[in-house]
Amino acid sequence: MWSVRLTDSQRDALRLLLDAQGELGPSLTGARESLDLARWDDLPEAQLPWDRVSELAGLQGIGEADVVWDLANGMPVRKPCVAKRTQPA
């Protein structure tokens, strides 16, 4: 995956270059669609409470990336996995 930051004129030039190719395959069609949706200046700055993310990761025994992924997808925070032990009879 590539991530680039383009000015409006650069984005327009790239869009025109793709359009000049004529028939686009699936990859270039996806790239063309992403150019239509890409507006870096329209995106809010992301701010995460990293201390809370670190705390949740530690409590659950998972990585910070997993916590961010879960929270971004609206999933409830995972409960820590604790092995249940039974007492021998």
N, C-alpha and C. Protein backbone atom coordinates (compact mmCIF):
# COMPACT_ATOMS: atom_id res chain seq x y z
N MET A 1 0.84 -1.16 0.00
CA MET A 1 0.00 0.00 0.00
C MET A 1 0.90 1.23 0.00
N TRP A 2 0.51 2.21 -0.78
CA TRP A 2 1.24 3.46 -0.86
C TRP A 2 0.42 4.56 -0.22
N SER A 3 1.09 5.47 0.39
CA SER A 3 0.44 6.64 0.96
C SER A 3 1.23 7.87 0.55
N VAL A 4 0.58 8.76 -0.17
CA VAL A 4 1.24 9.98 -0.62
C VAL A 4 0.33 11.16 -0.32
N ARG A 5 0.95 12.29 -0.16
CA ARG A 5 0.20 13.51 0.06
C ARG A 5 0.37 14.38 -1.18
N LEU A 6 -0.73 14.68 -1.83
CA LEU A 6 -0.71 15.44 -3.07
C LEU A 6 -1.42 16.77 -2.90
N THR A 7 -0.94 17.76 -3.62
CA THR A 7 -1.67 19.02 -3.68
C THR A 7 -2.87 18.80 -4.59
N ASP A 8 -3.79 19.76 -4.59
CA ASP A 8 -4.96 19.64 -5.46
C ASP A 8 -4.54 19.54 -6.92
N SER A 9 -3.58 20.34 -7.35
CA SER A 9 -3.16 20.31 -8.75
C SER A 9 -2.44 19.00 -9.09
N GLN A 10 -1.67 18.45 -8.16
CA GLN A 10 -1.02 17.16 -8.40
C GLN A 10 -2.06 16.05 -8.51
N ARG A 11 -3.06 16.10 -7.66
CA ARG A 11 -4.12 15.09 -7.71
C ARG A 11 -4.88 15.18 -9.02
N ASP A 12 -5.18 16.41 -9.46
CA ASP A 12 -5.88 16.60 -10.74
C ASP A 12 -5.04 16.09 -11.90
N ALA A 13 -3.74 16.35 -11.88
CA ALA A 13 -2.85 15.89 -12.95
C ALA A 13 -2.79 14.36 -12.99
N LEU A 14 -2.73 13.74 -11.83
CA LEU A 14 -2.70 12.28 -11.78
C LEU A 14 -4.02 11.69 -12.27
N ARG A 15 -5.11 12.33 -11.91
CA ARG A 15 -6.43 11.89 -12.37
C ARG A 15 -6.51 11.97 -13.90
N LEU A 16 -6.02 13.07 -14.48
CA LEU A 16 -6.03 13.23 -15.94
C LEU A 16 -5.12 12.20 -16.61
N LEU A 17 -4.00 11.90 -15.99
CA LEU A 17 -3.09 10.89 -16.53
C LEU A 17 -3.76 9.52 -16.57
N LEU A 18 -4.46 9.18 -15.50
CA LEU A 18 -5.18 7.90 -15.49
C LEU A 18 -6.30 7.89 -16.53
N ASP A 19 -7.02 9.00 -16.65
CA ASP A 19 -8.10 9.07 -17.64
C ASP A 19 -7.56 8.93 -19.06
N ALA A 20 -6.35 9.42 -19.30
CA ALA A 20 -5.76 9.35 -20.64
C ALA A 20 -5.38 7.92 -21.03
N GLN A 21 -5.32 7.02 -20.06
CA GLN A 21 -4.98 5.63 -20.36
C GLN A 21 -6.09 4.90 -21.09
N GLY A 22 -7.28 5.48 -21.12
CA GLY A 22 -8.41 4.80 -21.77
C GLY A 22 -9.06 3.83 -20.82
N GLU A 23 -9.14 2.58 -21.24
CA GLU A 23 -9.79 1.57 -20.43
C GLU A 23 -8.88 1.19 -19.26
N LEU A 24 -9.41 1.30 -18.06
CA LEU A 24 -8.63 1.01 -16.86
C LEU A 24 -8.98 -0.37 -16.33
N GLY A 25 -7.98 -1.08 -15.88
CA GLY A 25 -8.22 -2.37 -15.23
C GLY A 25 -8.68 -2.15 -13.80
N PRO A 26 -8.89 -3.23 -13.06
CA PRO A 26 -9.39 -3.10 -11.69
C PRO A 26 -8.48 -2.29 -10.77
N SER A 27 -7.17 -2.47 -10.89
CA SER A 27 -6.25 -1.75 -10.01
C SER A 27 -6.28 -0.25 -10.27
N LEU A 28 -6.20 0.12 -11.55
CA LEU A 28 -6.21 1.55 -11.87
C LEU A 28 -7.59 2.17 -11.64
N THR A 29 -8.64 1.38 -11.80
CA THR A 29 -9.98 1.89 -11.49
C THR A 29 -10.07 2.21 -10.00
N GLY A 30 -9.53 1.32 -9.17
CA GLY A 30 -9.50 1.58 -7.73
C GLY A 30 -8.67 2.79 -7.38
N ALA A 31 -7.54 2.94 -8.07
CA ALA A 31 -6.69 4.11 -7.84
C ALA A 31 -7.42 5.38 -8.24
N ARG A 32 -8.14 5.33 -9.35
CA ARG A 32 -8.90 6.51 -9.82
C ARG A 32 -9.99 6.87 -8.82
N GLU A 33 -10.69 5.87 -8.31
CA GLU A 33 -11.74 6.11 -7.32
C GLU A 33 -11.15 6.69 -6.03
N SER A 34 -10.00 6.19 -5.63
CA SER A 34 -9.39 6.70 -4.40
C SER A 34 -8.96 8.15 -4.56
N LEU A 35 -8.56 8.53 -5.77
CA LEU A 35 -8.22 9.94 -6.00
C LEU A 35 -9.44 10.83 -5.85
N ASP A 36 -10.59 10.32 -6.27
CA ASP A 36 -11.82 11.10 -6.11
C ASP A 36 -12.19 11.28 -4.64
N LEU A 37 -11.85 10.29 -3.83
CA LEU A 37 -12.21 10.34 -2.41
C LEU A 37 -11.14 10.99 -1.54
N ALA A 38 -9.93 11.09 -2.07
CA ALA A 38 -8.80 11.56 -1.26
C ALA A 38 -8.78 13.08 -1.18
N ARG A 39 -8.94 13.56 0.02
CA ARG A 39 -8.81 15.00 0.29
C ARG A 39 -8.17 15.13 1.66
N TRP A 40 -6.84 15.21 1.68
CA TRP A 40 -6.13 15.26 2.96
C TRP A 40 -6.57 16.43 3.82
N ASP A 41 -6.86 17.56 3.20
CA ASP A 41 -7.20 18.73 4.00
C ASP A 41 -8.60 18.63 4.59
N ASP A 42 -9.40 17.67 4.15
CA ASP A 42 -10.74 17.49 4.69
C ASP A 42 -10.76 16.54 5.89
N LEU A 43 -9.65 15.89 6.14
CA LEU A 43 -9.61 14.92 7.23
C LEU A 43 -9.25 15.60 8.55
N PRO A 44 -9.97 15.28 9.61
CA PRO A 44 -9.60 15.85 10.91
C PRO A 44 -8.33 15.19 11.42
N GLU A 45 -7.64 15.89 12.26
CA GLU A 45 -6.45 15.32 12.88
C GLU A 45 -6.88 14.26 13.89
N ALA A 46 -6.28 13.12 13.80
CA ALA A 46 -6.61 12.03 14.71
C ALA A 46 -5.90 12.25 16.04
N GLN A 47 -6.64 12.08 17.10
CA GLN A 47 -6.06 12.17 18.43
C GLN A 47 -6.57 10.99 19.25
N LEU A 48 -5.65 10.25 19.76
CA LEU A 48 -6.01 9.09 20.57
C LEU A 48 -5.44 9.25 21.97
N PRO A 49 -6.18 8.77 22.96
CA PRO A 49 -5.65 8.78 24.33
C PRO A 49 -4.67 7.62 24.50
N TRP A 50 -3.41 7.85 24.09
CA TRP A 50 -2.44 6.76 24.05
C TRP A 50 -2.20 6.13 25.41
N ASP A 51 -2.32 6.90 26.49
CA ASP A 51 -2.14 6.29 27.81
C ASP A 51 -3.23 5.26 28.07
N ARG A 52 -4.46 5.57 27.65
CA ARG A 52 -5.57 4.63 27.82
C ARG A 52 -5.42 3.42 26.88
N VAL A 53 -4.97 3.67 25.65
CA VAL A 53 -4.74 2.58 24.70
C VAL A 53 -3.69 1.63 25.25
N SER A 54 -2.60 2.18 25.79
CA SER A 54 -1.54 1.34 26.38
C SER A 54 -2.07 0.55 27.57
N GLU A 55 -2.88 1.20 28.38
CA GLU A 55 -3.45 0.53 29.55
C GLU A 55 -4.36 -0.63 29.12
N LEU A 56 -5.23 -0.38 28.14
CA LEU A 56 -6.13 -1.43 27.66
C LEU A 56 -5.35 -2.58 27.04
N ALA A 57 -4.30 -2.26 26.30
CA ALA A 57 -3.48 -3.31 25.69
C ALA A 57 -2.84 -4.18 26.76
N GLY A 58 -2.32 -3.54 27.81
CA GLY A 58 -1.71 -4.30 28.89
C GLY A 58 -2.70 -5.16 29.65
N LEU A 59 -3.88 -4.62 29.90
CA LEU A 59 -4.91 -5.38 30.61
C LEU A 59 -5.39 -6.59 29.83
N GLN A 60 -5.43 -6.44 28.50
CA GLN A 60 -5.96 -7.51 27.67
C GLN A 60 -4.89 -8.46 27.15
N GLY A 61 -3.64 -8.08 27.33
CA GLY A 61 -2.56 -8.92 26.83
C GLY A 61 -2.45 -8.91 25.32
N ILE A 62 -2.80 -7.76 24.70
CA ILE A 62 -2.72 -7.63 23.25
C ILE A 62 -1.91 -6.38 22.92
N GLY A 63 -1.61 -6.18 21.66
CA GLY A 63 -0.84 -5.01 21.24
C GLY A 63 -1.70 -3.77 21.13
N GLU A 64 -1.04 -2.61 21.16
CA GLU A 64 -1.76 -1.34 21.04
C GLU A 64 -2.50 -1.24 19.71
N ALA A 65 -1.90 -1.78 18.64
CA ALA A 65 -2.55 -1.74 17.33
C ALA A 65 -3.88 -2.47 17.36
N ASP A 66 -3.95 -3.59 18.09
CA ASP A 66 -5.20 -4.33 18.20
C ASP A 66 -6.26 -3.53 18.94
N VAL A 67 -5.85 -2.81 19.97
CA VAL A 67 -6.79 -1.97 20.72
C VAL A 67 -7.33 -0.87 19.82
N VAL A 68 -6.45 -0.20 19.08
CA VAL A 68 -6.87 0.87 18.18
C VAL A 68 -7.82 0.32 17.12
N TRP A 69 -7.48 -0.84 16.56
CA TRP A 69 -8.33 -1.47 15.55
C TRP A 69 -9.72 -1.76 16.12
N ASP A 70 -9.77 -2.34 17.31
CA ASP A 70 -11.05 -2.65 17.93
C ASP A 70 -11.87 -1.39 18.20
N LEU A 71 -11.22 -0.37 18.74
CA LEU A 71 -11.94 0.87 19.05
C LEU A 71 -12.41 1.57 17.79
N ALA A 72 -11.60 1.56 16.74
CA ALA A 72 -11.97 2.22 15.48
C ALA A 72 -13.15 1.53 14.82
N ASN A 73 -13.28 0.24 15.03
CA ASN A 73 -14.37 -0.51 14.43
C ASN A 73 -15.60 -0.57 15.33
N GLY A 74 -15.56 0.15 16.44
CA GLY A 74 -16.71 0.19 17.33
C GLY A 74 -16.92 -1.10 18.11
N MET A 75 -15.89 -1.91 18.16
CA MET A 75 -16.01 -3.17 18.88
C MET A 75 -15.77 -2.92 20.36
N PRO A 76 -16.45 -3.69 21.20
CA PRO A 76 -16.18 -3.54 22.63
C PRO A 76 -14.77 -4.00 22.95
N VAL A 77 -14.25 -3.48 24.01
CA VAL A 77 -12.90 -3.84 24.45
C VAL A 77 -12.90 -5.31 24.83
N ARG A 78 -11.87 -6.02 24.36
CA ARG A 78 -11.76 -7.45 24.66
C ARG A 78 -11.50 -7.68 26.13
N LYS A 79 -12.05 -8.75 26.62
CA LYS A 79 -11.77 -9.14 27.99
C LYS A 79 -10.50 -9.99 27.97
N PRO A 80 -9.68 -9.88 29.02
CA PRO A 80 -8.45 -10.67 29.03
C PRO A 80 -8.76 -12.17 29.05
N CYS A 81 -7.94 -12.92 28.37
CA CYS A 81 -8.10 -14.38 28.34
C CYS A 81 -7.47 -14.95 29.60
N VAL A 82 -8.28 -15.58 30.40
CA VAL A 82 -7.80 -16.20 31.63
C VAL A 82 -8.16 -17.67 31.56
N ALA A 83 -7.16 -18.51 31.70
CA ALA A 83 -7.41 -19.95 31.66
C ALA A 83 -8.12 -20.37 32.94
N LYS A 84 -9.19 -21.13 32.77
CA LYS A 84 -9.93 -21.63 33.93
C LYS A 84 -9.31 -22.95 34.37
N ARG A 85 -9.06 -23.06 35.65
CA ARG A 85 -8.49 -24.29 36.19
C ARG A 85 -9.53 -24.95 37.09
N THR A 86 -9.58 -26.23 36.97
CA THR A 86 -10.48 -26.98 37.84
C THR A 86 -9.64 -27.69 38.90
N GLN A 87 -10.21 -27.80 40.06
CA GLN A 87 -9.54 -28.48 41.16
C GLN A 87 -9.66 -29.99 40.97
N PRO A 88 -8.56 -30.72 41.13
CA PRO A 88 -8.67 -32.19 41.02
C PRO A 88 -9.53 -32.73 42.16
N ALA A 89 -10.29 -33.79 41.86
CA ALA A 89 -11.20 -34.36 42.85
C ALA A 89 -10.51 -35.19 43.88
